[in-house]
Amino acid sequence: MAEEKPIGIVSNYFDHVSVAAIRLSGNLGVGDKVRFEGGETDFEQEIGSMQIQNDSVESGKKGDEIGIKTDNKVRKGYKVFKV
């Protein structure tokens, strides 16, 4: 199994659209696989699309705040790992 590395923290979650805002600490792109961890939550998913300030983008870099649709509910403060 590939080594996971921390890639960001959930900074907000929008329940009505199932979108997590993530403050990135590294590079992340569409097609990458991430794992969310926090509370009772621990799941992996592939990133199908990504937005920065409502514009669709293919990737984000350290310091960016991205929005991605999540398969499950997450909360502010959850850790995000690139897998």
Protein backbone atom coordinates (compact mmCIF):
# COMPACT_ATOMS: atom_id res chain seq x y z
CA MET A 1 0.00 0.00 0.00
CA ALA A 2 1.28 3.46 -0.87
CA GLU A 3 2.16 5.73 2.00
CA GLU A 4 -0.50 8.28 2.85
CA LYS A 5 0.45 11.88 3.35
CA PRO A 6 -1.55 14.65 5.01
CA ILE A 7 -2.89 16.95 2.30
CA GLY A 8 -5.21 19.29 4.17
CA ILE A 9 -7.91 19.99 6.73
CA VAL A 10 -11.65 20.38 6.20
CA SER A 11 -12.32 24.09 6.81
CA ASN A 12 -16.07 23.97 6.17
CA TYR A 13 -18.83 21.60 5.06
CA PHE A 14 -21.96 22.49 3.14
CA ASP A 15 -24.55 19.86 4.03
CA HIS A 16 -27.19 20.85 1.47
CA VAL A 17 -24.80 20.20 -1.45
CA SER A 18 -22.45 17.62 0.22
CA VAL A 19 -19.40 19.79 -0.48
CA ALA A 20 -16.32 20.04 1.74
CA ALA A 21 -14.03 23.06 1.69
CA ILE A 22 -10.46 21.89 2.22
CA ARG A 23 -7.46 24.07 3.07
CA LEU A 24 -4.59 22.38 1.21
CA SER A 25 -1.13 21.77 2.64
CA GLY A 26 0.11 20.22 -0.62
CA ASN A 27 -0.83 19.61 -4.26
CA LEU A 28 -4.01 17.76 -5.13
CA GLY A 29 -5.71 17.12 -8.45
CA VAL A 30 -8.83 15.67 -10.05
CA GLY A 31 -8.47 11.87 -10.17
CA ASP A 32 -6.40 11.73 -6.98
CA LYS A 33 -7.67 9.55 -4.15
CA VAL A 34 -8.14 11.06 -0.69
CA ARG A 35 -9.08 9.73 2.74
CA PHE A 36 -11.11 11.71 5.27
CA GLU A 37 -10.49 11.01 8.95
CA GLY A 38 -12.16 12.46 12.02
CA GLY A 39 -14.69 11.55 14.68
CA GLU A 40 -16.43 8.32 13.62
CA THR A 41 -15.61 9.03 9.98
CA ASP A 42 -12.91 7.28 7.94
CA PHE A 43 -13.46 6.79 4.20
CA GLU A 44 -11.66 7.07 0.88
CA GLN A 45 -12.89 8.53 -2.37
CA GLU A 46 -11.58 9.67 -5.73
CA ILE A 47 -11.88 13.36 -6.57
CA GLY A 48 -14.25 13.72 -9.51
CA SER A 49 -14.19 17.51 -9.68
CA MET A 50 -12.77 20.43 -7.78
CA GLN A 51 -13.54 24.13 -7.49
CA ILE A 52 -11.72 27.21 -6.24
CA GLN A 53 -14.07 30.14 -5.59
CA ASN A 54 -16.80 28.52 -7.73
CA ASP A 55 -14.48 28.04 -10.74
CA SER A 56 -13.82 24.46 -11.85
CA VAL A 57 -10.11 23.62 -11.71
CA GLU A 58 -8.02 20.50 -12.40
CA SER A 59 -5.72 20.93 -9.39
CA GLY A 60 -4.98 22.92 -6.27
CA LYS A 61 -1.74 23.72 -4.46
CA LYS A 62 -0.56 24.43 -0.93
CA GLY A 63 -2.51 27.33 0.55
CA ASP A 64 -5.50 26.99 -1.79
CA GLU A 65 -8.96 26.38 -0.42
CA ILE A 66 -10.77 23.93 -2.67
CA GLY A 67 -14.30 22.61 -2.72
CA ILE A 68 -15.05 18.97 -3.53
CA LYS A 69 -18.23 16.90 -3.40
CA THR A 70 -17.91 14.19 -0.74
CA ASP A 71 -19.45 10.71 -0.66
CA ASN A 72 -20.12 11.00 3.08
CA LYS A 73 -20.67 13.83 5.53
CA VAL A 74 -17.52 15.38 7.00
CA ARG A 75 -16.97 18.09 9.60
CA LYS A 76 -14.74 21.08 10.08
CA GLY A 77 -11.34 20.00 11.41
CA TYR A 78 -11.31 16.54 9.83
CA LYS A 79 -7.95 15.54 8.38
CA VAL A 80 -7.55 14.82 4.68
CA PHE A 81 -4.86 12.46 3.37
CA LYS A 82 -3.71 11.75 -0.18
CA VAL A 83 -3.63 7.97 -0.70
